[in-house]
N, C-alpha and C. Protein backbone atom coordinates (compact mmCIF):
# COMPACT_ATOMS: atom_id res chain seq x y z
N MET A 1 203.48 -177.22 -8.15
CA MET A 1 202.53 -177.99 -8.22
C MET A 1 202.53 -178.12 -9.29
N PHE A 2 202.75 -178.01 -10.42
CA PHE A 2 202.68 -178.53 -12.12
C PHE A 2 203.54 -180.11 -12.26
N ALA A 3 204.64 -179.53 -11.67
CA ALA A 3 205.81 -180.91 -11.62
C ALA A 3 205.09 -182.31 -10.62
N GLU A 4 204.28 -181.85 -9.60
CA GLU A 4 203.63 -182.88 -8.76
C GLU A 4 202.66 -183.12 -9.55
N LEU A 5 201.42 -182.38 -10.23
CA LEU A 5 200.54 -183.14 -11.10
C LEU A 5 200.90 -183.96 -12.25
N ILE A 6 202.02 -183.64 -12.87
CA ILE A 6 202.35 -184.43 -14.10
C ILE A 6 202.83 -185.57 -13.55
N ARG A 7 203.54 -185.90 -12.51
CA ARG A 7 203.62 -187.31 -12.09
C ARG A 7 202.68 -187.98 -11.27
N LEU A 8 201.53 -187.33 -11.32
CA LEU A 8 200.39 -188.14 -10.99
C LEU A 8 199.70 -189.74 -12.01
N PRO A 9 199.47 -190.85 -11.84
CA PRO A 9 199.44 -191.71 -12.80
C PRO A 9 198.18 -191.31 -13.26
N LEU A 10 197.30 -190.57 -12.57
CA LEU A 10 196.10 -190.55 -13.25
C LEU A 10 196.01 -189.42 -14.15
N VAL A 11 197.00 -188.65 -14.17
CA VAL A 11 197.06 -187.67 -15.44
C VAL A 11 198.10 -188.28 -16.40
N LEU A 12 199.12 -189.18 -16.29
CA LEU A 12 200.25 -189.41 -17.06
C LEU A 12 199.51 -190.56 -18.19
N TRP A 13 198.78 -191.42 -17.51
CA TRP A 13 198.21 -192.68 -18.36
C TRP A 13 197.04 -192.17 -19.16
N PRO A 14 196.04 -191.19 -19.09
CA PRO A 14 195.44 -191.00 -20.14
C PRO A 14 196.02 -190.10 -21.02
N ILE A 15 197.19 -189.31 -20.84
CA ILE A 15 197.86 -188.63 -21.45
C ILE A 15 198.75 -189.70 -22.38
N ALA A 16 198.96 -190.82 -21.96
CA ALA A 16 200.12 -191.56 -22.70
C ALA A 16 198.99 -192.49 -23.24
N TRP A 17 197.65 -192.98 -23.49
CA TRP A 17 196.83 -193.32 -24.11
C TRP A 17 196.11 -192.73 -25.24
N GLY A 18 195.66 -191.10 -24.97
CA GLY A 18 195.51 -190.47 -26.22
C GLY A 18 196.49 -190.27 -27.57
N PHE A 19 198.01 -190.10 -26.77
CA PHE A 19 198.97 -190.05 -27.92
C PHE A 19 199.02 -191.69 -28.50
N THR A 20 198.59 -192.79 -27.52
CA THR A 20 198.76 -193.68 -28.72
C THR A 20 197.84 -193.82 -29.33
N GLY A 21 196.57 -193.47 -29.12
CA GLY A 21 195.27 -193.27 -29.49
C GLY A 21 195.28 -192.82 -30.78
N LEU A 22 196.33 -191.53 -30.67
CA LEU A 22 196.55 -190.64 -31.96
C LEU A 22 197.52 -191.72 -33.01
N GLY A 23 198.26 -192.33 -32.63
CA GLY A 23 198.96 -193.37 -33.54
C GLY A 23 198.68 -194.56 -34.09
N PHE A 24 197.75 -194.49 -33.37
CA PHE A 24 196.48 -195.67 -34.20
C PHE A 24 195.80 -195.26 -34.97
N TYR A 25 195.09 -193.99 -34.79
CA TYR A 25 194.07 -193.31 -35.85
C TYR A 25 195.27 -193.03 -36.70
N ILE A 26 196.31 -192.37 -37.12
CA ILE A 26 197.16 -192.19 -38.01
C ILE A 26 197.72 -193.78 -39.04
N ALA A 27 197.95 -194.69 -38.39
CA ALA A 27 198.03 -195.86 -38.35
C ALA A 27 196.81 -196.29 -39.44
N GLY A 28 195.85 -195.86 -38.83
CA GLY A 28 194.33 -196.36 -40.17
C GLY A 28 193.61 -197.29 -38.84
N PHE A 29 194.06 -197.58 -37.47
CA PHE A 29 192.79 -198.30 -36.64
C PHE A 29 192.13 -198.03 -36.06
N GLN A 30 190.77 -197.19 -36.99
CA GLN A 30 189.91 -196.35 -36.39
C GLN A 30 188.95 -197.28 -35.75
N GLY A 31 188.99 -198.70 -36.08
CA GLY A 31 187.58 -199.15 -35.83
C GLY A 31 188.10 -200.49 -34.94
N GLY A 32 189.29 -200.27 -34.42
CA GLY A 32 189.56 -201.57 -33.42
C GLY A 32 190.79 -202.39 -34.15
N PRO A 33 191.39 -203.63 -33.33
CA PRO A 33 192.65 -204.32 -33.85
C PRO A 33 192.20 -204.89 -35.06
N LYS A 34 190.94 -205.09 -35.48
CA LYS A 34 190.65 -206.11 -36.48
C LYS A 34 189.91 -205.24 -37.54
N ASP A 35 190.24 -203.75 -37.73
CA ASP A 35 189.59 -202.77 -38.85
C ASP A 35 190.08 -203.54 -40.03
N PRO A 36 188.95 -203.99 -40.77
CA PRO A 36 189.52 -204.11 -42.28
C PRO A 36 189.96 -203.12 -43.16
N HIS A 37 189.93 -201.95 -42.71
CA HIS A 37 189.98 -200.67 -43.49
C HIS A 37 191.63 -200.07 -43.20
N GLN A 38 192.13 -200.96 -42.29
CA GLN A 38 193.55 -200.65 -42.08
C GLN A 38 194.80 -200.67 -43.06
N ASP A 39 195.18 -199.05 -43.16
CA ASP A 39 195.68 -198.97 -44.47
C ASP A 39 197.15 -198.17 -44.22
N GLY A 40 197.43 -197.46 -42.90
CA GLY A 40 198.05 -196.83 -43.03
C GLY A 40 199.37 -197.08 -42.26
N PRO A 41 200.51 -196.30 -41.70
CA PRO A 41 201.86 -197.02 -41.56
C PRO A 41 201.59 -197.57 -40.19
N LEU A 42 201.89 -199.12 -39.86
CA LEU A 42 201.87 -199.50 -38.82
C LEU A 42 203.09 -199.50 -37.91
N TRP A 43 203.73 -198.88 -37.99
CA TRP A 43 205.02 -198.67 -37.29
C TRP A 43 204.74 -197.03 -36.44
N VAL A 44 203.88 -196.34 -36.99
CA VAL A 44 203.25 -195.07 -36.03
C VAL A 44 202.58 -195.40 -34.83
N ALA A 45 201.97 -196.42 -35.06
CA ALA A 45 201.13 -197.16 -33.70
C ALA A 45 201.77 -197.72 -33.00
N LEU A 46 202.85 -198.47 -33.30
CA LEU A 46 203.98 -199.06 -32.74
C LEU A 46 204.92 -197.82 -32.04
N LEU A 47 205.38 -196.97 -32.52
CA LEU A 47 206.43 -195.77 -32.07
C LEU A 47 205.58 -195.14 -30.98
N PHE A 48 204.49 -194.45 -31.33
CA PHE A 48 203.93 -193.57 -30.80
C PHE A 48 203.51 -194.22 -29.41
N GLY A 49 202.85 -195.80 -29.42
CA GLY A 49 202.62 -196.01 -28.02
C GLY A 49 203.78 -196.45 -27.17
N MET A 50 204.73 -196.99 -27.74
CA MET A 50 206.48 -197.05 -27.01
C MET A 50 206.61 -196.07 -26.26
N ILE A 51 206.65 -194.63 -27.22
CA ILE A 51 207.00 -193.54 -26.12
C ILE A 51 206.20 -192.91 -24.98
N ALA A 52 205.11 -193.40 -25.92
CA ALA A 52 203.97 -192.61 -24.28
C ALA A 52 203.89 -194.07 -23.36
N TRP A 53 204.37 -195.15 -23.37
CA TRP A 53 204.09 -195.71 -22.30
C TRP A 53 205.59 -195.82 -21.60
N GLY A 54 206.73 -195.52 -22.44
CA GLY A 54 207.90 -195.23 -21.81
C GLY A 54 208.04 -194.34 -20.58
N LEU A 55 207.40 -193.00 -21.54
CA LEU A 55 207.55 -191.95 -20.09
C LEU A 55 206.45 -192.27 -19.20
N ALA A 56 205.24 -192.35 -19.27
CA ALA A 56 204.20 -192.34 -18.37
C ALA A 56 204.78 -193.84 -17.47
N GLY A 57 205.40 -194.76 -17.50
CA GLY A 57 206.03 -195.95 -16.63
C GLY A 57 206.75 -195.35 -16.12
N SER A 58 207.86 -194.53 -16.78
CA SER A 58 209.11 -193.99 -15.66
C SER A 58 208.65 -193.23 -14.73
N LEU A 59 207.73 -192.21 -15.23
CA LEU A 59 207.34 -191.39 -14.41
C LEU A 59 206.57 -191.88 -13.00
N SER A 60 205.61 -192.54 -13.59
CA SER A 60 204.64 -192.92 -12.32
C SER A 60 205.29 -193.76 -11.37
N PHE A 61 206.60 -194.60 -12.12
CA PHE A 61 206.92 -195.73 -11.01
C PHE A 61 207.96 -195.44 -10.40
N HIS A 62 208.92 -194.36 -10.93
CA HIS A 62 210.23 -193.95 -10.72
C HIS A 62 210.19 -192.79 -9.87
N GLY A 63 209.08 -191.62 -10.83
CA GLY A 63 208.98 -190.13 -10.25
C GLY A 63 209.89 -189.53 -11.09
N LYS A 64 210.59 -189.98 -12.15
CA LYS A 64 211.48 -189.21 -13.15
C LYS A 64 211.69 -190.00 -14.35
N LEU A 65 212.02 -189.56 -15.29
CA LEU A 65 212.70 -190.21 -16.43
C LEU A 65 213.93 -191.15 -16.36
N LEU A 66 214.02 -192.15 -16.33
CA LEU A 66 215.19 -193.03 -16.26
C LEU A 66 215.03 -194.10 -17.44
N ARG A 67 216.80 -194.55 -18.03
CA ARG A 67 216.94 -195.02 -19.01
C ARG A 67 215.93 -196.31 -19.14
N SER A 68 216.04 -196.53 -17.63
CA SER A 68 215.64 -198.59 -17.40
C SER A 68 214.29 -198.50 -17.36
N GLY A 69 213.56 -197.19 -17.00
CA GLY A 69 212.33 -197.38 -16.79
C GLY A 69 211.32 -196.92 -18.17
N MET A 70 211.77 -196.22 -18.90
CA MET A 70 211.34 -195.79 -20.11
C MET A 70 211.84 -197.13 -21.24
N LEU A 71 212.71 -197.79 -21.18
CA LEU A 71 212.66 -199.44 -21.45
C LEU A 71 211.97 -200.28 -20.91
N THR A 72 212.06 -200.47 -20.05
CA THR A 72 210.98 -200.84 -19.55
C THR A 72 209.13 -201.18 -20.22
N TRP A 73 208.91 -200.13 -20.08
CA TRP A 73 207.30 -199.56 -20.25
C TRP A 73 207.36 -199.51 -21.58
N GLY A 74 208.33 -199.27 -22.24
CA GLY A 74 208.32 -198.67 -23.69
C GLY A 74 208.15 -200.44 -24.17
N LEU A 75 208.89 -201.14 -23.97
CA LEU A 75 209.11 -202.52 -24.78
C LEU A 75 208.03 -203.46 -24.09
N THR A 76 207.28 -202.94 -22.95
CA THR A 76 205.96 -203.51 -22.55
C THR A 76 205.23 -203.49 -23.51
N TYR A 77 204.66 -202.02 -23.93
CA TYR A 77 203.92 -201.62 -25.04
C TYR A 77 203.88 -202.47 -26.23
N ALA A 78 205.29 -202.76 -26.83
CA ALA A 78 205.90 -203.01 -27.95
C ALA A 78 205.20 -205.11 -28.01
N PHE A 79 205.80 -205.44 -26.69
CA PHE A 79 205.57 -207.11 -26.46
C PHE A 79 203.75 -206.81 -26.62
N ALA A 80 203.09 -206.08 -25.96
CA ALA A 80 201.67 -206.37 -25.92
C ALA A 80 201.22 -206.05 -27.45
N PHE A 81 201.64 -204.71 -28.19
CA PHE A 81 201.09 -204.95 -29.33
C PHE A 81 201.36 -205.42 -30.14
N GLY A 82 202.56 -206.53 -30.19
CA GLY A 82 202.75 -207.64 -31.04
C GLY A 82 201.59 -208.67 -30.50
N CYS A 83 201.57 -209.16 -29.35
CA CYS A 83 200.36 -209.88 -29.01
C CYS A 83 199.51 -209.53 -30.00
N GLY A 84 198.54 -208.26 -29.31
CA GLY A 84 197.45 -208.11 -30.07
C GLY A 84 197.32 -208.40 -31.91
N PHE A 85 198.49 -207.80 -32.47
CA PHE A 85 198.53 -207.57 -33.81
C PHE A 85 198.51 -208.94 -34.22
N LEU A 86 199.09 -210.31 -33.40
CA LEU A 86 199.51 -211.88 -33.89
C LEU A 86 197.77 -212.29 -33.89
N ALA A 87 196.98 -212.30 -32.66
CA ALA A 87 196.09 -212.71 -32.14
C ALA A 87 194.83 -211.94 -33.29
N ALA A 88 195.06 -210.49 -34.02
CA ALA A 88 194.16 -209.83 -34.49
C ALA A 88 194.56 -210.45 -36.30
N ARG A 89 195.22 -211.07 -36.33
CA ARG A 89 195.91 -211.33 -37.62
C ARG A 89 195.58 -212.81 -38.04
N ASN A 90 195.31 -213.77 -37.04
CA ASN A 90 195.35 -214.83 -37.18
C ASN A 90 193.90 -215.52 -36.32
N ALA A 91 193.01 -214.65 -36.19
CA ALA A 91 191.60 -214.81 -35.43
C ALA A 91 191.13 -214.96 -36.77
N SER A 92 189.91 -215.79 -36.86
CA SER A 92 188.74 -216.19 -37.89
C SER A 92 187.80 -215.16 -37.76
N ASP A 93 187.15 -215.56 -38.67
CA ASP A 93 186.00 -214.28 -38.90
C ASP A 93 184.97 -214.48 -38.38
N GLU A 94 184.75 -215.86 -37.44
CA GLU A 94 183.70 -216.40 -37.01
C GLU A 94 183.19 -215.42 -35.91
N ASP A 95 181.88 -215.24 -35.83
CA ASP A 95 180.94 -214.25 -35.02
C ASP A 95 180.93 -214.88 -33.36
N ASN A 96 182.21 -214.81 -32.79
CA ASN A 96 182.10 -215.54 -31.73
C ASN A 96 183.02 -214.82 -30.36
N LEU A 97 182.34 -214.53 -29.44
CA LEU A 97 182.77 -213.53 -28.51
C LEU A 97 184.27 -213.65 -28.33
N TRP A 98 184.53 -214.84 -27.83
CA TRP A 98 185.64 -215.10 -27.71
C TRP A 98 187.22 -214.64 -28.42
N ILE A 99 186.41 -215.17 -29.65
CA ILE A 99 187.45 -214.96 -31.09
C ILE A 99 187.48 -213.49 -31.41
N GLY A 100 186.53 -212.46 -31.11
CA GLY A 100 186.03 -211.29 -31.50
C GLY A 100 186.73 -210.56 -30.34
N PHE A 101 187.27 -210.50 -29.10
CA PHE A 101 187.75 -209.97 -28.21
C PHE A 101 189.06 -210.55 -27.99
N ALA A 102 189.88 -211.69 -28.95
CA ALA A 102 190.94 -212.36 -28.62
C ALA A 102 191.92 -211.17 -28.53
N PRO A 103 192.19 -210.49 -29.41
CA PRO A 103 193.44 -209.29 -29.72
C PRO A 103 193.37 -208.24 -28.36
N TYR A 104 192.40 -207.86 -28.04
CA TYR A 104 192.47 -207.35 -26.84
C TYR A 104 192.60 -208.24 -25.39
N TYR A 105 192.41 -209.47 -25.57
CA TYR A 105 192.58 -210.39 -24.50
C TYR A 105 194.44 -210.53 -24.48
N ALA A 106 195.27 -211.10 -25.60
CA ALA A 106 196.17 -211.08 -25.96
C ALA A 106 196.96 -209.79 -25.48
N ALA A 107 196.73 -208.60 -26.55
CA ALA A 107 197.63 -207.70 -25.30
C ALA A 107 197.50 -207.52 -23.98
N ALA A 108 196.45 -207.68 -23.52
CA ALA A 108 196.30 -207.07 -22.00
C ALA A 108 197.03 -207.89 -21.36
N LEU A 109 197.42 -209.51 -21.49
CA LEU A 109 197.99 -210.03 -21.04
C LEU A 109 199.89 -209.84 -21.58
N GLY A 110 199.88 -209.42 -22.48
CA GLY A 110 200.95 -208.96 -22.98
C GLY A 110 201.52 -207.72 -22.22
N THR A 111 200.41 -207.16 -21.52
CA THR A 111 201.07 -206.03 -20.48
C THR A 111 201.63 -206.41 -19.34
N ALA A 112 201.15 -207.46 -18.95
CA ALA A 112 201.65 -208.05 -17.61
C ALA A 112 203.03 -208.03 -17.56
N VAL A 113 203.53 -208.03 -18.40
CA VAL A 113 205.09 -208.19 -18.60
C VAL A 113 205.60 -207.49 -18.19
N GLY A 114 205.23 -205.76 -18.10
CA GLY A 114 205.51 -204.59 -17.41
C GLY A 114 205.81 -204.08 -15.75
N PRO A 115 204.55 -204.63 -14.99
CA PRO A 115 204.59 -204.97 -13.71
C PRO A 115 205.96 -206.23 -13.39
N LEU A 116 205.87 -207.44 -13.99
CA LEU A 116 207.11 -208.30 -13.62
C LEU A 116 208.41 -208.16 -14.24
N ALA A 117 208.72 -207.35 -15.00
CA ALA A 117 210.14 -206.68 -15.26
C ALA A 117 210.33 -205.48 -14.57
N HIS A 118 209.28 -204.76 -14.16
CA HIS A 118 209.73 -203.35 -12.78
C HIS A 118 209.94 -204.33 -11.71
N VAL A 119 209.27 -205.00 -11.24
CA VAL A 119 209.65 -205.60 -10.16
C VAL A 119 211.35 -206.28 -10.05
N LEU A 120 210.89 -207.03 -10.93
CA LEU A 120 212.02 -208.02 -10.90
C LEU A 120 213.78 -207.59 -11.14
N LEU A 121 213.64 -206.40 -12.11
CA LEU A 121 214.57 -205.67 -12.45
C LEU A 121 214.87 -204.39 -11.45
N GLY A 122 213.99 -204.16 -10.53
CA GLY A 122 214.16 -203.35 -9.58
C GLY A 122 214.99 -203.24 -8.18
N PRO A 123 214.99 -202.36 -7.40
CA PRO A 123 216.02 -202.33 -6.13
C PRO A 123 215.06 -203.02 -5.05
N ARG A 124 213.74 -203.34 -5.05
CA ARG A 124 213.17 -203.59 -4.08
C ARG A 124 212.33 -205.27 -4.03
N ARG A 125 212.18 -205.87 -2.66
CA ARG A 125 211.93 -207.11 -2.96
C ARG A 125 209.85 -206.93 -2.63
N TRP A 126 209.46 -207.83 -3.74
CA TRP A 126 208.11 -207.60 -3.60
C TRP A 126 207.75 -209.03 -3.28
N PRO A 127 206.63 -209.18 -2.36
CA PRO A 127 205.95 -210.68 -1.58
C PRO A 127 205.32 -211.15 -3.17
N LEU A 128 205.47 -212.70 -3.65
CA LEU A 128 204.88 -213.22 -4.72
C LEU A 128 203.24 -212.86 -4.82
N ALA A 129 203.03 -212.85 -3.95
CA ALA A 129 201.53 -212.69 -4.31
C ALA A 129 201.31 -211.44 -4.43
N ASP A 130 201.91 -210.36 -3.84
CA ASP A 130 201.84 -208.54 -4.54
C ASP A 130 202.17 -208.74 -5.87
N LEU A 131 203.24 -209.06 -6.29
CA LEU A 131 203.96 -209.26 -7.41
C LEU A 131 202.85 -209.42 -8.41
N LEU A 132 202.17 -210.85 -8.27
CA LEU A 132 201.11 -211.17 -9.09
C LEU A 132 199.73 -210.17 -9.12
N ARG A 133 199.66 -210.22 -8.11
CA ARG A 133 198.52 -208.97 -7.96
C ARG A 133 198.66 -208.08 -8.66
N PHE A 134 199.75 -207.56 -8.67
CA PHE A 134 200.12 -205.99 -9.65
C PHE A 134 200.10 -206.39 -10.95
N ALA A 135 200.84 -207.75 -11.41
CA ALA A 135 200.68 -208.01 -12.89
C ALA A 135 199.37 -208.45 -13.28
N LEU A 136 198.61 -209.26 -12.83
CA LEU A 136 196.95 -209.31 -13.07
C LEU A 136 196.19 -208.22 -12.78
N GLY A 137 196.46 -207.26 -12.07
CA GLY A 137 195.63 -205.81 -11.93
C GLY A 137 195.98 -205.12 -13.22
N TRP A 138 196.90 -204.91 -13.48
CA TRP A 138 197.52 -204.58 -14.75
C TRP A 138 197.09 -205.05 -15.86
N ALA A 139 197.12 -206.28 -16.12
CA ALA A 139 196.15 -206.79 -17.33
C ALA A 139 194.81 -206.67 -17.52
N ILE A 140 194.35 -206.57 -16.27
CA ILE A 140 193.16 -206.32 -16.18
C ILE A 140 192.74 -204.91 -16.87
N SER A 141 193.24 -203.95 -16.16
CA SER A 141 192.82 -202.97 -16.39
C SER A 141 193.33 -202.19 -17.52
N SER A 142 194.41 -202.91 -18.28
CA SER A 142 194.45 -202.60 -19.73
C SER A 142 193.63 -203.10 -20.55
N PHE A 143 192.71 -204.31 -20.02
CA PHE A 143 192.19 -204.90 -21.05
C PHE A 143 191.14 -204.15 -21.02
N ALA A 144 190.38 -203.15 -20.18
CA ALA A 144 189.36 -202.73 -19.82
C ALA A 144 189.65 -201.11 -20.66
N GLY A 145 190.84 -201.03 -20.31
CA GLY A 145 191.17 -199.50 -20.76
C GLY A 145 191.11 -199.68 -22.43
N ALA A 146 191.82 -200.54 -22.78
CA ALA A 146 191.74 -200.58 -24.39
C ALA A 146 190.25 -200.87 -24.45
N LEU A 147 189.25 -201.66 -24.32
CA LEU A 147 187.73 -201.50 -25.13
C LEU A 147 187.09 -200.00 -24.93
N VAL A 148 187.43 -199.52 -23.45
CA VAL A 148 186.75 -197.93 -23.52
C VAL A 148 187.69 -196.89 -24.59
N GLY A 149 189.37 -197.37 -24.51
CA GLY A 149 189.86 -196.62 -25.29
C GLY A 149 189.62 -196.51 -27.12
N VAL A 150 189.08 -197.67 -27.31
CA VAL A 150 188.85 -198.16 -28.65
C VAL A 150 187.50 -197.11 -29.10
N LEU A 151 186.71 -197.47 -28.01
CA LEU A 151 185.32 -197.12 -28.01
C LEU A 151 185.06 -195.70 -28.10
N GLY A 152 186.19 -194.89 -27.50
CA GLY A 152 186.71 -193.62 -27.20
C GLY A 152 186.78 -192.98 -28.35
N LEU A 153 187.93 -193.65 -28.94
CA LEU A 153 188.76 -193.46 -30.05
C LEU A 153 187.80 -193.15 -31.54
N ARG A 154 186.50 -194.22 -31.29
CA ARG A 154 185.62 -194.31 -32.41
C ARG A 154 184.63 -192.75 -32.10
N ILE A 155 184.12 -192.99 -31.20
CA ILE A 155 182.98 -191.57 -30.75
C ILE A 155 183.74 -190.78 -31.10
N GLY A 156 184.84 -190.25 -30.64
CA GLY A 156 185.96 -188.94 -30.91
C GLY A 156 185.98 -188.65 -32.37
N THR A 157 186.37 -189.68 -33.16
CA THR A 157 186.60 -189.42 -34.48
C THR A 157 185.34 -188.79 -34.84
N THR A 158 184.33 -189.96 -34.95
CA THR A 158 183.10 -189.31 -35.29
C THR A 158 182.63 -187.73 -35.28
N LEU A 159 182.30 -187.60 -33.67
CA LEU A 159 182.21 -186.44 -33.33
C LEU A 159 182.77 -185.28 -33.87
N ALA A 160 184.28 -185.58 -33.95
CA ALA A 160 184.91 -184.59 -34.36
C ALA A 160 184.88 -184.03 -35.94
N ALA A 161 184.81 -185.20 -36.56
CA ALA A 161 184.49 -185.19 -38.00
C ALA A 161 183.19 -184.62 -38.39
N ALA A 162 182.26 -184.80 -37.18
CA ALA A 162 180.62 -183.96 -37.87
C ALA A 162 180.94 -182.61 -37.46
N ALA A 163 182.02 -182.08 -36.52
CA ALA A 163 181.65 -180.76 -36.70
C ALA A 163 182.34 -179.73 -37.21
N ALA A 164 183.54 -180.91 -37.96
CA ALA A 164 184.40 -180.22 -38.71
C ALA A 164 183.25 -179.52 -39.92
N ASN A 165 183.77 -178.18 -40.31
CA ASN A 165 182.61 -177.18 -41.48
C ASN A 165 183.86 -176.87 -42.60
N SER A 166 184.98 -177.05 -42.80
CA SER A 166 186.39 -177.22 -43.83
C SER A 166 187.12 -177.92 -43.68
N PRO A 167 187.68 -177.67 -44.87
CA PRO A 167 188.86 -178.99 -45.19
C PRO A 167 189.73 -178.62 -44.19
N ALA A 168 190.04 -177.77 -43.52
CA ALA A 168 190.94 -177.61 -42.79
C ALA A 168 190.93 -178.45 -41.16
N THR A 169 189.61 -177.82 -40.68
CA THR A 169 189.21 -178.77 -40.03
C THR A 169 188.72 -180.14 -39.81
N LEU A 170 188.60 -180.58 -41.10
CA LEU A 170 187.90 -181.72 -41.31
C LEU A 170 189.38 -182.78 -41.22
N LEU A 171 190.41 -181.96 -41.90
CA LEU A 171 192.14 -182.34 -41.55
C LEU A 171 192.49 -182.44 -40.07
N LEU A 172 191.93 -181.81 -39.19
CA LEU A 172 192.77 -181.49 -37.84
C LEU A 172 191.74 -181.82 -36.85
N LEU A 173 190.61 -181.95 -36.92
CA LEU A 173 189.41 -182.21 -36.23
C LEU A 173 189.85 -184.13 -35.65
N PRO A 174 189.74 -184.95 -36.09
CA PRO A 174 189.21 -185.99 -36.09
C PRO A 174 190.63 -186.85 -35.82
N PRO A 175 191.84 -186.52 -35.70
CA PRO A 175 192.93 -186.55 -35.24
C PRO A 175 192.78 -186.31 -33.88
N LEU A 176 192.26 -185.05 -33.28
CA LEU A 176 192.25 -184.39 -32.03
C LEU A 176 191.36 -185.46 -31.07
N GLY A 177 189.85 -185.43 -31.93
CA GLY A 177 188.85 -186.22 -31.61
C GLY A 177 189.73 -187.79 -30.96
N ALA A 178 189.84 -188.60 -31.79
CA ALA A 178 190.75 -189.77 -31.69
C ALA A 178 191.46 -189.61 -30.16
N ALA A 179 192.62 -188.75 -29.88
CA ALA A 179 193.59 -188.76 -28.93
C ALA A 179 192.58 -188.23 -27.90
N LEU A 180 191.21 -187.25 -27.45
CA LEU A 180 190.84 -187.29 -26.57
C LEU A 180 189.90 -188.27 -26.28
N GLY A 181 189.42 -189.16 -27.27
CA GLY A 181 188.54 -190.23 -26.95
C GLY A 181 189.31 -191.47 -26.29
N ALA A 182 190.62 -191.44 -26.69
CA ALA A 182 191.40 -192.87 -26.04
C ALA A 182 191.85 -192.43 -25.00
N THR A 183 191.85 -191.09 -24.34
CA THR A 183 192.52 -190.94 -23.25
C THR A 183 191.59 -191.51 -22.13
N LEU A 184 190.16 -192.02 -22.27
CA LEU A 184 189.27 -192.61 -21.31
C LEU A 184 189.92 -193.96 -21.13
N GLY A 185 190.81 -194.70 -21.86
CA GLY A 185 191.67 -196.12 -21.26
C GLY A 185 192.38 -195.58 -20.69
N GLY A 186 193.16 -194.27 -20.65
CA GLY A 186 194.07 -194.65 -19.70
C GLY A 186 193.75 -194.20 -17.89
N LEU A 187 192.24 -194.15 -17.84
CA LEU A 187 192.35 -193.89 -16.44
C LEU A 187 192.15 -195.31 -15.79
N PHE A 188 192.00 -196.46 -16.84
CA PHE A 188 192.10 -197.38 -15.96
C PHE A 188 193.24 -198.09 -15.32
N THR A 189 194.34 -197.90 -16.48
CA THR A 189 195.62 -197.98 -16.05
C THR A 189 196.48 -196.94 -15.36
N GLY A 190 195.80 -195.88 -15.41
CA GLY A 190 196.40 -194.77 -14.16
C GLY A 190 195.86 -195.10 -12.76
N THR A 191 194.78 -195.82 -12.42
CA THR A 191 194.10 -196.29 -10.95
C THR A 191 195.21 -197.50 -10.88
N ALA A 192 195.37 -198.54 -11.82
CA ALA A 192 195.88 -199.54 -11.63
C ALA A 192 197.17 -199.17 -10.87
N ALA A 193 197.83 -198.06 -11.80
CA ALA A 193 199.31 -197.59 -11.37
C ALA A 193 199.40 -196.92 -9.92
N MET A 194 198.14 -196.01 -9.75
CA MET A 194 198.30 -195.42 -8.43
C MET A 194 198.36 -196.55 -7.19
N ILE A 195 197.54 -197.06 -7.45
CA ILE A 195 197.49 -198.29 -6.50
C ILE A 195 198.74 -199.10 -6.12
N ALA A 196 199.01 -199.73 -7.03
CA ALA A 196 200.52 -200.33 -7.09
C ALA A 196 201.76 -199.15 -6.32
N ARG A 197 201.64 -197.83 -6.80
CA ARG A 197 202.91 -197.25 -6.23
C ARG A 197 202.34 -197.00 -4.79
N ASP A 198 201.44 -196.71 -4.49
CA ASP A 198 200.89 -196.06 -3.35
C ASP A 198 200.81 -197.66 -2.16
N HIS A 199 200.90 -199.00 -2.73
CA HIS A 199 201.17 -200.02 -1.81
C HIS A 199 202.21 -201.10 -1.84
N ARG A 200 203.34 -200.21 -2.75
CA ARG A 200 204.33 -201.27 -3.12
C ARG A 200 205.59 -200.86 -1.89
N PRO A 201 205.95 -202.53 -1.90
CA PRO A 201 207.04 -202.77 -0.55
C PRO A 201 208.03 -201.52 -0.14
N ARG A 202 208.42 -200.96 1.02
CA ARG A 202 209.10 -200.38 1.13
C ARG A 202 210.70 -200.97 1.28
N GLN A 203 211.00 -202.12 1.95
CA GLN A 203 212.23 -202.60 2.17
C GLN A 203 213.05 -202.88 1.06
N PRO A 204 214.04 -202.12 1.24
CA PRO A 204 215.13 -202.51 -0.01
C PRO A 204 215.42 -204.20 0.22
N VAL A 205 216.26 -204.56 -1.10
CA VAL A 205 216.39 -205.93 -1.03
C VAL A 205 217.98 -206.17 -0.23
N GLY A 206 218.12 -207.18 0.51
CA GLY A 206 219.11 -207.55 1.77
C GLY A 206 220.39 -208.03 1.00
């Protein structure tokens, strides 16, 4: 029962986003990609996300941990992280909706590499329309997940800090709150993964 449950995308991806959110908290990205107070180790956010996405992607689409699957989805996160980071660093401070969300747009588009690589490097043929629908759906779900995940991270951190009543709990609860809040973002990619897995073509490459 547990083995079947842990392979469900709707379980895997919220956990992955929560672990990723913990990495962002440690790295100091508590206010989103353009947080002016970010002063932690940037590599932690990158490493935590790569591990989480690698494990979730492989288990979601292969049903087990495969080196190729973990590399595909781990590197997908790294690419998306790089896209979002560059967009955040190059965006101006102009009060503009497009510019404000540029890191989210860039990172979401970057995640589309995952579905493309998963299909093109896999053993089964996908019609082009299905492949593009998978990639676009994944990018949209990642964009929505990022918005909700960052909001959840901020709310979770704030509530956990308010609930802390000692130096020890003040040290432990905010990271836990950040991780739990960020899990909400994983519901979007988990749903996209579930749909893609259940509707993927069955015929092998001839």
